[in-house]
Amino acid sequence: MDADIDTFPAALWALQALLGIETMPPALRLAVYIPSAAAHIPVREYPEYQSLVHSGIVNAAGQVHHEVIDWLTIISRPDLEVQLTIRRPGDEPDTIKESLTVFCRMESWLAAITLTPADAERRRQVAAQIGFEGDPNELPREWVDQIRITYLGESSDLDRQTEMITEGILSEIGTAAPARIDGANIELSTFLQASGVAGNDAEALTAMLMRAGITESQCAVLTEMMALDRSALATVSARHVIPGASPHERAVGRTVVIADSGLGRVSMAQSVSDSGTLWVSLWPGEPATVRGDISDFVSTVIAPRVHLS
């Protein structure tokens, strides 16, 4: 393949049927392919099948492109998933839209899969691909949301793997002017307590954070970040895929948050002091700061983990 795979959830499901792949990363919240439930309809009779042929993913003989097979194998059988969730204000008041990219590492191979909600133009494109003659707005999300699959590369060097995932994340979030605020560190317990007590009350949250030494401009950024329909927010998280492990054992406790507010971009990361205290840092989102926070996070989760039963 000369480019990324660009398809939609229902077509991906057809691809899974062709290859016998039952699961995708759970964060995508895609329908699980169950062979016994799909056997009554030949895959070639799926309306989505022709879109796979038109895009070159499947040839005229019904064979899936060999590189696509490799990429989907990585995505369906990873040992590490680094997740990037991007939330932006929606097109209508008081709404949000969210896209999700999962960077998958299977031993030394890396690939990424992105799920993006469809806009009006995307709906028209998919309707044309599958020959739908009705109103594109009536198409279910399974047929119109965008699935993009990207092969990142192969390397057994953990530093190189960190670099590939970091570059992929930076490409997705783009650039923005950094916020004109001073940097700050606050104990995670204090921040969580203030957030939990104040809830959606921006004035109460500001008052509690200012008592903890946070300035008014820093509070303005934090309160805007918590208003889902006002700020653009990118959250980087991760989980190890360990056979037999519980969800708690697989999850990585840290995250990195990049937010674009009215004051500009900020980066919020977590760290642990020598005494064991958990801290949250809030700094202007200079490119070097954003890259450093993301790279530091990825480098801490990139090493393989073995679950001992």
C-alpha atoms as a PDB file:
ATOM      1  CA  MET A   1       0.000   0.000   0.000  1.00  0.00           C
ATOM      2  CA  ASP A   2       1.355   3.430  -0.926  1.00  0.00           C
ATOM      3  CA  ALA A   3      -0.731   5.294   1.654  1.00  0.00           C
ATOM      4  CA  ASP A   4      -2.754   4.918   4.813  1.00  0.00           C
ATOM      5  CA  ILE A   5      -5.922   2.825   4.774  1.00  0.00           C
ATOM      6  CA  ASP A   6      -8.982   5.083   4.752  1.00  0.00           C
ATOM      7  CA  THR A   7     -12.220   3.220   5.424  1.00  0.00           C
ATOM      8  CA  PHE A   8     -15.183   3.083   7.841  1.00  0.00           C
ATOM      9  CA  PRO A   9     -16.228   0.782  10.729  1.00  0.00           C
ATOM     10  CA  ALA A  10     -18.597  -1.453   8.757  1.00  0.00           C
ATOM     11  CA  ALA A  11     -15.964  -1.990   6.053  1.00  0.00           C
ATOM     12  CA  LEU A  12     -13.380  -2.769   8.728  1.00  0.00           C
ATOM     13  CA  TRP A  13     -15.805  -5.337  10.101  1.00  0.00           C
ATOM     14  CA  ALA A  14     -15.966  -6.903   6.618  1.00  0.00           C
ATOM     15  CA  LEU A  15     -12.161  -6.969   6.570  1.00  0.00           C
ATOM     16  CA  GLN A  16     -12.170  -8.724   9.927  1.00  0.00           C
ATOM     17  CA  ALA A  17     -14.591 -11.283   8.494  1.00  0.00           C
ATOM     18  CA  LEU A  18     -12.260 -11.928   5.547  1.00  0.00           C
ATOM     19  CA  LEU A  19      -9.241 -12.374   7.829  1.00  0.00           C
ATOM     20  CA  GLY A  20     -10.901 -13.996  10.846  1.00  0.00           C
ATOM     21  CA  ILE A  21      -9.822 -11.182  13.172  1.00  0.00           C
ATOM     22  CA  GLU A  22     -12.286 -10.996  16.054  1.00  0.00           C
ATOM     23  CA  THR A  23     -11.165  -7.978  18.070  1.00  0.00           C
ATOM     24  CA  MET A  24      -9.810  -4.464  17.691  1.00  0.00           C
ATOM     25  CA  PRO A  25      -8.473  -2.212  20.496  1.00  0.00           C
ATOM     26  CA  PRO A  26     -11.341  -1.890  23.011  1.00  0.00           C
ATOM     27  CA  ALA A  27     -10.931   1.890  23.342  1.00  0.00           C
ATOM     28  CA  LEU A  28     -12.345   2.237  19.808  1.00  0.00           C
ATOM     29  CA  ARG A  29     -15.639   0.727  21.001  1.00  0.00           C
ATOM     30  CA  LEU A  30     -16.130  -1.088  17.699  1.00  0.00           C
ATOM     31  CA  ALA A  31     -18.490  -4.031  17.342  1.00  0.00           C
ATOM     32  CA  VAL A  32     -16.785  -7.371  17.982  1.00  0.00           C
ATOM     33  CA  TYR A  33     -16.672  -9.676  14.972  1.00  0.00           C
ATOM     34  CA  ILE A  34     -18.280 -13.019  15.904  1.00  0.00           C
ATOM     35  CA  PRO A  35     -17.765 -15.605  13.118  1.00  0.00           C
ATOM     36  CA  SER A  36     -20.804 -17.706  14.029  1.00  0.00           C
ATOM     37  CA  ALA A  37     -23.063 -14.663  13.855  1.00  0.00           C
ATOM     38  CA  ALA A  38     -21.834 -13.619  10.416  1.00  0.00           C
ATOM     39  CA  ALA A  39     -21.569 -16.937   8.609  1.00  0.00           C
ATOM     40  CA  HIS A  40     -25.078 -16.761   7.117  1.00  0.00           C
ATOM     41  CA  ILE A  41     -24.060 -13.966   4.707  1.00  0.00           C
ATOM     42  CA  PRO A  42     -21.048 -14.347   2.379  1.00  0.00           C
ATOM     43  CA  VAL A  43     -18.641 -11.457   2.901  1.00  0.00           C
ATOM     44  CA  ARG A  44     -18.724 -10.579  -0.794  1.00  0.00           C
ATOM     45  CA  GLU A  45     -22.419  -9.816  -0.450  1.00  0.00           C
ATOM     46  CA  TYR A  46     -21.845  -7.176   2.219  1.00  0.00           C
ATOM     47  CA  PRO A  47     -22.605  -3.693   0.795  1.00  0.00           C
ATOM     48  CA  GLU A  48     -19.326  -2.516   2.342  1.00  0.00           C
ATOM     49  CA  TYR A  49     -17.280  -5.110   0.459  1.00  0.00           C
ATOM     50  CA  GLN A  50     -17.154  -3.147  -2.793  1.00  0.00           C
ATOM     51  CA  SER A  51     -15.634  -0.155  -1.019  1.00  0.00           C
ATOM     52  CA  LEU A  52     -12.706  -2.407  -0.040  1.00  0.00           C
ATOM     53  CA  VAL A  53     -12.274  -3.425  -3.676  1.00  0.00           C
ATOM     54  CA  HIS A  54     -12.506   0.148  -4.968  1.00  0.00           C
ATOM     55  CA  SER A  55      -9.839   1.313  -2.520  1.00  0.00           C
ATOM     56  CA  GLY A  56      -7.412  -1.490  -3.421  1.00  0.00           C
ATOM     57  CA  ILE A  57      -7.564  -3.124   0.001  1.00  0.00           C
ATOM     58  CA  VAL A  58      -9.082  -6.253  -1.581  1.00  0.00           C
ATOM     59  CA  ASN A  59      -8.313  -7.345  -5.151  1.00  0.00           C
ATOM     60  CA  ALA A  60     -10.731  -8.702  -7.752  1.00  0.00           C
ATOM     61  CA  ALA A  61     -10.041 -12.264  -6.580  1.00  0.00           C
ATOM     62  CA  GLY A  62     -11.117 -11.397  -3.043  1.00  0.00           C
ATOM     63  CA  GLN A  63      -7.593 -11.399  -1.600  1.00  0.00           C
ATOM     64  CA  VAL A  64      -6.659  -8.818   1.028  1.00  0.00           C
ATOM     65  CA  HIS A  65      -3.487  -6.842   0.292  1.00  0.00           C
ATOM     66  CA  HIS A  66      -0.596  -8.472   2.151  1.00  0.00           C
ATOM     67  CA  GLU A  67       0.471  -5.227   3.839  1.00  0.00           C
ATOM     68  CA  VAL A  68      -3.058  -4.655   5.114  1.00  0.00           C
ATOM     69  CA  ILE A  69      -2.962  -8.134   6.663  1.00  0.00           C
ATOM     70  CA  ASP A  70       0.294  -7.256   8.431  1.00  0.00           C
ATOM     71  CA  TRP A  71      -1.026  -3.927   9.734  1.00  0.00           C
ATOM     72  CA  LEU A  72      -4.265  -5.418  11.042  1.00  0.00           C
ATOM     73  CA  THR A  73      -2.306  -8.204  12.737  1.00  0.00           C
ATOM     74  CA  ILE A  74      -0.318  -5.594  14.678  1.00  0.00           C
ATOM     75  CA  ILE A  75      -3.469  -3.702  15.646  1.00  0.00           C
ATOM     76  CA  SER A  76      -5.394  -6.807  16.692  1.00  0.00           C
ATOM     77  CA  ARG A  77      -2.543  -8.450  18.641  1.00  0.00           C
ATOM     78  CA  PRO A  78      -0.565  -5.677  20.376  1.00  0.00           C
ATOM     79  CA  ASP A  79       1.378  -5.969  23.600  1.00  0.00           C
ATOM     80  CA  LEU A  80       1.095  -2.197  24.176  1.00  0.00           C
ATOM     81  CA  GLU A  81      -1.527   0.402  23.278  1.00  0.00           C
ATOM     82  CA  VAL A  82      -0.833   4.126  23.579  1.00  0.00           C
ATOM     83  CA  GLN A  83      -4.111   6.008  23.234  1.00  0.00           C
ATOM     84  CA  LEU A  84      -4.613   9.580  22.048  1.00  0.00           C
ATOM     85  CA  THR A  85      -8.083  11.004  22.654  1.00  0.00           C
ATOM     86  CA  ILE A  86      -8.778  14.412  21.095  1.00  0.00           C
ATOM     87  CA  ARG A  87     -11.891  16.240  22.237  1.00  0.00           C
ATOM     88  CA  ARG A  88     -13.039  19.440  20.563  1.00  0.00           C
ATOM     89  CA  PRO A  89     -16.139  21.655  20.810  1.00  0.00           C
ATOM     90  CA  GLY A  90     -18.881  20.357  18.512  1.00  0.00           C
ATOM     91  CA  ASP A  91     -20.499  22.140  15.595  1.00  0.00           C
ATOM     92  CA  GLU A  92     -23.626  22.807  17.659  1.00  0.00           C
ATOM     93  CA  PRO A  93     -23.712  24.702  20.992  1.00  0.00           C
ATOM     94  CA  ASP A  94     -23.022  22.626  24.118  1.00  0.00           C
ATOM     95  CA  THR A  95     -21.759  19.659  22.098  1.00  0.00           C
ATOM     96  CA  ILE A  96     -18.383  18.004  21.696  1.00  0.00           C
ATOM     97  CA  LYS A  97     -16.760  15.781  19.086  1.00  0.00           C
ATOM     98  CA  GLU A  98     -14.090  13.241  19.871  1.00  0.00           C
ATOM     99  CA  SER A  99     -11.550  11.329  17.818  1.00  0.00           C
ATOM    100  CA  LEU A 100      -9.378   8.493  19.064  1.00  0.00           C
ATOM    101  CA  THR A 101      -6.055   7.118  17.853  1.00  0.00           C
ATOM    102  CA  VAL A 102      -4.568   3.922  19.267  1.00  0.00           C
ATOM    103  CA  PHE A 103      -0.857   3.375  18.625  1.00  0.00           C
ATOM    104  CA  CYS A 104      -0.246  -0.385  18.745  1.00  0.00           C
ATOM    105  CA  ARG A 105       3.091  -2.101  19.353  1.00  0.00           C
ATOM    106  CA  MET A 106       3.440  -5.817  18.659  1.00  0.00           C
ATOM    107  CA  GLU A 107       7.001  -6.748  19.620  1.00  0.00           C
ATOM    108  CA  SER A 108       9.029  -4.601  17.183  1.00  0.00           C
ATOM    109  CA  TRP A 109       6.239  -3.572  14.795  1.00  0.00           C
ATOM    110  CA  LEU A 110       4.104  -0.462  15.216  1.00  0.00           C
ATOM    111  CA  ALA A 111       0.876   0.710  13.591  1.00  0.00           C
ATOM    112  CA  ALA A 112      -1.923   3.115  14.477  1.00  0.00           C
ATOM    113  CA  ILE A 113      -5.688   3.132  14.002  1.00  0.00           C
ATOM    114  CA  THR A 114      -7.788   6.315  14.208  1.00  0.00           C
ATOM    115  CA  LEU A 115     -11.561   6.645  14.586  1.00  0.00           C
ATOM    116  CA  THR A 116     -12.990  10.068  13.644  1.00  0.00           C
ATOM    117  CA  PRO A 117     -16.698  11.009  13.683  1.00  0.00           C
ATOM    118  CA  ALA A 118     -18.098  11.788  10.238  1.00  0.00           C
ATOM    119  CA  ASP A 119     -18.885  15.301   9.064  1.00  0.00           C
ATOM    120  CA  ALA A 120     -21.367  16.131   6.268  1.00  0.00           C
ATOM    121  CA  GLU A 121     -18.798  15.782   3.482  1.00  0.00           C
ATOM    122  CA  ARG A 122     -17.653  12.420   4.792  1.00  0.00           C
ATOM    123  CA  ARG A 123     -21.257  11.177   4.824  1.00  0.00           C
ATOM    124  CA  ARG A 124     -21.668  12.137   1.160  1.00  0.00           C
ATOM    125  CA  GLN A 125     -18.427  10.372   0.198  1.00  0.00           C
ATOM    126  CA  VAL A 126     -19.358   7.109   1.910  1.00  0.00           C
ATOM    127  CA  ALA A 127     -22.879   7.189   0.454  1.00  0.00           C
ATOM    128  CA  ALA A 128     -21.328   7.376  -3.019  1.00  0.00           C
ATOM    129  CA  GLN A 129     -18.871   4.544  -2.234  1.00  0.00           C
ATOM    130  CA  ILE A 130     -21.567   2.092  -1.170  1.00  0.00           C
ATOM    131  CA  GLY A 131     -24.180   3.205  -3.693  1.00  0.00           C
ATOM    132  CA  PHE A 132     -26.599   4.599  -1.111  1.00  0.00           C
ATOM    133  CA  GLU A 133     -29.158   6.823  -2.837  1.00  0.00           C
ATOM    134  CA  GLY A 134     -31.021   8.099   0.241  1.00  0.00           C
ATOM    135  CA  ASP A 135     -30.208  10.961   2.588  1.00  0.00           C
ATOM    136  CA  PRO A 136     -26.556  10.581   3.739  1.00  0.00           C
ATOM    137  CA  ASN A 137     -27.583  11.914   7.157  1.00  0.00           C
ATOM    138  CA  GLU A 138     -29.643   8.758   7.639  1.00  0.00           C
ATOM    139  CA  LEU A 139     -26.601   6.489   7.388  1.00  0.00           C
ATOM    140  CA  PRO A 140     -25.558   4.958  10.739  1.00  0.00           C
ATOM    141  CA  ARG A 141     -22.182   5.864  12.218  1.00  0.00           C
ATOM    142  CA  GLU A 142     -20.872   2.366  11.438  1.00  0.00           C
ATOM    143  CA  TRP A 143     -20.988   3.321   7.750  1.00  0.00           C
ATOM    144  CA  VAL A 144     -19.749   6.885   7.851  1.00  0.00           C
ATOM    145  CA  ASP A 145     -17.251   7.423  10.672  1.00  0.00           C
ATOM    146  CA  GLN A 146     -13.690   7.427   9.376  1.00  0.00           C
ATOM    147  CA  ILE A 147     -11.234   4.651  10.162  1.00  0.00           C
ATOM    148  CA  ARG A 148      -7.632   5.431   9.235  1.00  0.00           C
ATOM    149  CA  ILE A 149      -4.895   2.825   9.615  1.00  0.00           C
ATOM    150  CA  THR A 150      -1.238   3.854   9.449  1.00  0.00           C
ATOM    151  CA  TYR A 151       1.887   1.714   9.503  1.00  0.00           C
ATOM    152  CA  LEU A 152       4.550   3.416  11.637  1.00  0.00           C
ATOM    153  CA  GLY A 153       7.487   1.102  11.092  1.00  0.00           C
ATOM    154  CA  GLU A 154       9.590  -1.638  12.646  1.00  0.00           C
ATOM    155  CA  SER A 155      12.364  -1.364  15.219  1.00  0.00           C
ATOM    156  CA  SER A 156      13.519  -3.406  18.191  1.00  0.00           C
ATOM    157  CA  ASP A 157      15.157  -0.297  19.672  1.00  0.00           C
ATOM    158  CA  LEU A 158      12.912   1.070  22.449  1.00  0.00           C
ATOM    159  CA  ASP A 159      14.154   4.637  21.955  1.00  0.00           C
ATOM    160  CA  ARG A 160      13.222   4.442  18.283  1.00  0.00           C
ATOM    161  CA  GLN A 161       9.797   3.031  19.179  1.00  0.00           C
ATOM    162  CA  THR A 162       9.307   5.941  21.583  1.00  0.00           C
ATOM    163  CA  GLU A 163      10.265   8.376  18.836  1.00  0.00           C
ATOM    164  CA  MET A 164       7.846   6.850  16.305  1.00  0.00           C
ATOM    165  CA  ILE A 165       4.879   6.978  18.685  1.00  0.00           C
ATOM    166  CA  THR A 166       5.767  10.484  19.876  1.00  0.00           C
ATOM    167  CA  GLU A 167       6.000  11.762  16.296  1.00  0.00           C
ATOM    168  CA  GLY A 168       2.652  10.157  15.512  1.00  0.00           C
ATOM    169  CA  ILE A 169       0.999  11.893  18.465  1.00  0.00           C
ATOM    170  CA  LEU A 170       2.555  15.266  17.609  1.00  0.00           C
ATOM    171  CA  SER A 171       1.347  14.929  14.025  1.00  0.00           C
ATOM    172  CA  GLU A 172      -2.217  14.358  15.236  1.00  0.00           C
ATOM    173  CA  ILE A 173      -2.355  17.286  17.680  1.00  0.00           C
ATOM    174  CA  GLY A 174      -0.616  19.837  15.459  1.00  0.00           C
ATOM    175  CA  THR A 175       0.781  23.099  16.814  1.00  0.00           C
ATOM    176  CA  ALA A 176      -0.670  26.113  18.626  1.00  0.00           C
ATOM    177  CA  ALA A 177       0.599  29.230  20.366  1.00  0.00           C
ATOM    178  CA  PRO A 178       1.666  28.520  23.962  1.00  0.00           C
ATOM    179  CA  ALA A 179      -0.328  30.084  26.787  1.00  0.00           C
ATOM    180  CA  ARG A 180       1.186  33.181  28.386  1.00  0.00           C
ATOM    181  CA  ILE A 181       1.191  31.819  31.926  1.00  0.00           C
ATOM    182  CA  ASP A 182       3.840  30.817  34.433  1.00  0.00           C
ATOM    183  CA  GLY A 183       4.419  27.127  35.010  1.00  0.00           C
ATOM    184  CA  ALA A 184       3.101  25.526  38.178  1.00  0.00           C
ATOM    185  CA  ASN A 185       3.248  22.283  40.133  1.00  0.00           C
ATOM    186  CA  ILE A 186       0.382  21.116  42.329  1.00  0.00           C
ATOM    187  CA  GLU A 187      -0.042  17.936  44.336  1.00  0.00           C
ATOM    188  CA  LEU A 188      -2.288  15.528  42.459  1.00  0.00           C
ATOM    189  CA  SER A 189      -4.366  14.846  45.569  1.00  0.00           C
ATOM    190  CA  THR A 190      -5.053  18.572  46.002  1.00  0.00           C
ATOM    191  CA  PHE A 191      -6.046  18.961  42.354  1.00  0.00           C
ATOM    192  CA  LEU A 192      -8.331  15.925  42.407  1.00  0.00           C
ATOM    193  CA  GLN A 193      -9.955  17.009  45.657  1.00  0.00           C
ATOM    194  CA  ALA A 194     -10.640  20.501  44.297  1.00  0.00           C
ATOM    195  CA  SER A 195     -12.007  19.088  41.044  1.00  0.00           C
ATOM    196  CA  GLY A 196     -14.237  16.615  42.854  1.00  0.00           C
ATOM    197  CA  VAL A 197     -15.639  19.096  45.360  1.00  0.00           C
ATOM    198  CA  ALA A 198     -16.150  21.966  42.899  1.00  0.00           C
ATOM    199  CA  GLY A 199     -17.574  19.853  40.074  1.00  0.00           C
ATOM    200  CA  ASN A 200     -18.707  22.190  37.273  1.00  0.00           C
ATOM    201  CA  ASP A 201     -18.594  25.279  39.509  1.00  0.00           C
ATOM    202  CA  ALA A 202     -15.731  27.292  37.978  1.00  0.00           C
ATOM    203  CA  GLU A 203     -15.751  29.910  40.747  1.00  0.00           C
ATOM    204  CA  ALA A 204     -15.517  27.295  43.492  1.00  0.00           C
ATOM    205  CA  LEU A 205     -12.710  25.467  41.669  1.00  0.00           C
ATOM    206  CA  THR A 206     -10.790  28.714  41.183  1.00  0.00           C
ATOM    207  CA  ALA A 207     -11.134  29.619  44.859  1.00  0.00           C
ATOM    208  CA  MET A 208      -9.890  26.213  46.024  1.00  0.00           C
ATOM    209  CA  LEU A 209      -6.940  26.159  43.606  1.00  0.00           C
ATOM    210  CA  MET A 210      -5.896  29.717  44.449  1.00  0.00           C
ATOM    211  CA  ARG A 211      -5.772  28.715  48.122  1.00  0.00           C
ATOM    212  CA  ALA A 212      -3.295  26.033  47.001  1.00  0.00           C
ATOM    213  CA  GLY A 213      -1.068  28.671  45.364  1.00  0.00           C
ATOM    214  CA  ILE A 214      -2.339  28.537  41.775  1.00  0.00           C
ATOM    215  CA  THR A 215      -2.560  31.945  40.067  1.00  0.00           C
ATOM    216  CA  GLU A 216      -5.693  33.400  38.537  1.00  0.00           C
ATOM    217  CA  SER A 217      -4.482  32.902  34.944  1.00  0.00           C
ATOM    218  CA  GLN A 218      -3.491  29.300  35.684  1.00  0.00           C
ATOM    219  CA  CYS A 219      -6.933  28.718  37.205  1.00  0.00           C
ATOM    220  CA  ALA A 220      -8.544  30.213  34.101  1.00  0.00           C
ATOM    221  CA  VAL A 221      -6.815  27.606  31.937  1.00  0.00           C
ATOM    222  CA  LEU A 222      -7.721  24.736  34.272  1.00  0.00           C
ATOM    223  CA  THR A 223     -11.392  25.696  34.537  1.00  0.00           C
ATOM    224  CA  GLU A 224     -11.638  26.078  30.763  1.00  0.00           C
ATOM    225  CA  MET A 225     -10.088  22.636  30.304  1.00  0.00           C
ATOM    226  CA  MET A 226     -12.891  21.174  32.402  1.00  0.00           C
ATOM    227  CA  ALA A 227     -15.588  22.854  30.276  1.00  0.00           C
ATOM    228  CA  LEU A 228     -16.058  20.136  27.644  1.00  0.00           C
ATOM    229  CA  ASP A 229     -17.634  22.427  25.041  1.00  0.00           C
ATOM    230  CA  ARG A 230     -15.114  25.278  25.336  1.00  0.00           C
ATOM    231  CA  SER A 231     -11.603  23.856  24.997  1.00  0.00           C
ATOM    232  CA  ALA A 232      -9.746  21.441  22.753  1.00  0.00           C
ATOM    233  CA  LEU A 233      -8.168  18.684  24.805  1.00  0.00           C
ATOM    234  CA  ALA A 234      -5.779  15.869  23.860  1.00  0.00           C
ATOM    235  CA  THR A 235      -5.196  13.116  26.416  1.00  0.00           C
ATOM    236  CA  VAL A 236      -2.395  10.559  26.060  1.00  0.00           C
ATOM    237  CA  SER A 237      -2.837   7.336  28.035  1.00  0.00           C
ATOM    238  CA  ALA A 238      -1.657   3.745  27.740  1.00  0.00           C
ATOM    239  CA  ARG A 239      -2.345   0.146  28.661  1.00  0.00           C
ATOM    240  CA  HIS A 240      -0.265  -3.013  28.468  1.00  0.00           C
ATOM    241  CA  VAL A 241      -1.976  -5.975  26.831  1.00  0.00           C
ATOM    242  CA  ILE A 242      -0.993  -8.828  29.142  1.00  0.00           C
ATOM    243  CA  PRO A 243      -2.711 -12.231  28.820  1.00  0.00           C
ATOM    244  CA  GLY A 244      -4.478 -13.160  32.023  1.00  0.00           C
ATOM    245  CA  ALA A 245      -4.002  -9.754  33.654  1.00  0.00           C
ATOM    246  CA  SER A 246      -6.802  -7.706  35.178  1.00  0.00           C
ATOM    247  CA  PRO A 247      -7.766  -4.305  33.700  1.00  0.00           C
ATOM    248  CA  HIS A 248      -6.129  -2.668  36.728  1.00  0.00           C
ATOM    249  CA  GLU A 249      -2.838  -4.473  36.081  1.00  0.00           C
ATOM    250  CA  ARG A 250      -2.903  -3.519  32.394  1.00  0.00           C
ATOM    251  CA  ALA A 251      -3.655   0.175  32.893  1.00  0.00           C
ATOM    252  CA  VAL A 252      -0.958   2.829  33.191  1.00  0.00           C
ATOM    253  CA  GLY A 253      -1.779   5.280  35.986  1.00  0.00           C
ATOM    254  CA  ARG A 254      -0.209   8.363  34.394  1.00  0.00           C
ATOM    255  CA  THR A 255      -1.519  10.525  31.573  1.00  0.00           C
ATOM    256  CA  VAL A 256      -0.405  13.597  29.633  1.00  0.00           C
ATOM    257  CA  VAL A 257      -2.948  16.270  28.700  1.00  0.00           C
ATOM    258  CA  ILE A 258      -2.414  18.931  26.024  1.00  0.00           C
ATOM    259  CA  ALA A 259      -5.085  21.651  26.059  1.00  0.00           C
ATOM    260  CA  ASP A 260      -5.761  24.557  23.718  1.00  0.00           C
ATOM    261  CA  SER A 261      -7.579  27.237  25.694  1.00  0.00           C
ATOM    262  CA  GLY A 262      -8.463  30.861  25.094  1.00  0.00           C
ATOM    263  CA  LEU A 263      -5.098  31.761  26.633  1.00  0.00           C
ATOM    264  CA  GLY A 264      -3.176  29.344  24.393  1.00  0.00           C
ATOM    265  CA  ARG A 265      -1.761  25.821  24.607  1.00  0.00           C
ATOM    266  CA  VAL A 266      -0.698  24.203  27.881  1.00  0.00           C
ATOM    267  CA  SER A 267       0.810  20.833  28.760  1.00  0.00           C
ATOM    268  CA  MET A 268      -0.194  19.005  31.928  1.00  0.00           C
ATOM    269  CA  ALA A 269       1.813  15.958  33.001  1.00  0.00           C
ATOM    270  CA  GLN A 270       2.149  13.849  36.130  1.00  0.00           C
ATOM    271  CA  SER A 271       5.252  12.822  38.027  1.00  0.00           C
ATOM    272  CA  VAL A 272       6.322  11.184  41.294  1.00  0.00           C
ATOM    273  CA  SER A 273       8.812  12.835  43.648  1.00  0.00           C
ATOM    274  CA  ASP A 274      11.546  10.949  45.514  1.00  0.00           C
ATOM    275  CA  SER A 275       9.288  10.973  48.580  1.00  0.00           C
ATOM    276  CA  GLY A 276       6.490   9.293  46.630  1.00  0.00           C
ATOM    277  CA  THR A 277       4.255  12.367  46.287  1.00  0.00           C
ATOM    278  CA  LEU A 278       2.272  12.551  43.054  1.00  0.00           C
ATOM    279  CA  TRP A 279       2.451  15.928  41.313  1.00  0.00           C
ATOM    280  CA  VAL A 280       0.697  17.564  38.376  1.00  0.00           C
ATOM    281  CA  SER A 281       2.709  20.071  36.342  1.00  0.00           C
ATOM    282  CA  LEU A 282       1.043  22.787  34.263  1.00  0.00           C
ATOM    283  CA  TRP A 283       3.300  24.584  31.801  1.00  0.00           C
ATOM    284  CA  PRO A 284       2.941  26.752  28.690  1.00  0.00           C
ATOM    285  CA  GLY A 285       2.684  24.462  25.673  1.00  0.00           C
ATOM    286  CA  GLU A 286       5.958  25.355  24.012  1.00  0.00           C
ATOM    287  CA  PRO A 287       6.755  22.770  21.301  1.00  0.00           C
ATOM    288  CA  ALA A 288       9.762  21.475  23.250  1.00  0.00           C
ATOM    289  CA  THR A 289       7.681  21.132  26.430  1.00  0.00           C
ATOM    290  CA  VAL A 290       4.875  19.266  24.675  1.00  0.00           C
ATOM    291  CA  ARG A 291       7.328  16.949  22.935  1.00  0.00           C
ATOM    292  CA  GLY A 292       9.234  16.342  26.156  1.00  0.00           C
ATOM    293  CA  ASP A 293       6.142  15.522  28.218  1.00  0.00           C
ATOM    294  CA  ILE A 294       4.795  13.116  25.587  1.00  0.00           C
ATOM    295  CA  SER A 295       8.167  11.471  24.930  1.00  0.00           C
ATOM    296  CA  ASP A 296       8.806  11.036  28.668  1.00  0.00           C
ATOM    297  CA  PHE A 297       5.419   9.382  29.125  1.00  0.00           C
ATOM    298  CA  VAL A 298       5.831   7.042  26.144  1.00  0.00           C
ATOM    299  CA  SER A 299       9.364   6.069  27.176  1.00  0.00           C
ATOM    300  CA  THR A 300       8.099   4.944  30.598  1.00  0.00           C
ATOM    301  CA  VAL A 301       5.489   2.590  29.125  1.00  0.00           C
ATOM    302  CA  ILE A 302       7.339   1.310  26.054  1.00  0.00           C
ATOM    303  CA  ALA A 303       9.337  -1.395  27.855  1.00  0.00           C
ATOM    304  CA  PRO A 304       7.600  -4.800  27.585  1.00  0.00           C
ATOM    305  CA  ARG A 305       5.933  -6.085  30.749  1.00  0.00           C
ATOM    306  CA  VAL A 306       5.464  -9.748  31.610  1.00  0.00           C
ATOM    307  CA  HIS A 307       2.496 -10.878  33.688  1.00  0.00           C
ATOM    308  CA  LEU A 308       3.344 -13.613  36.167  1.00  0.00           C
ATOM    309  CA  SER A 309       0.309 -15.717  37.118  1.00  0.00           C
END
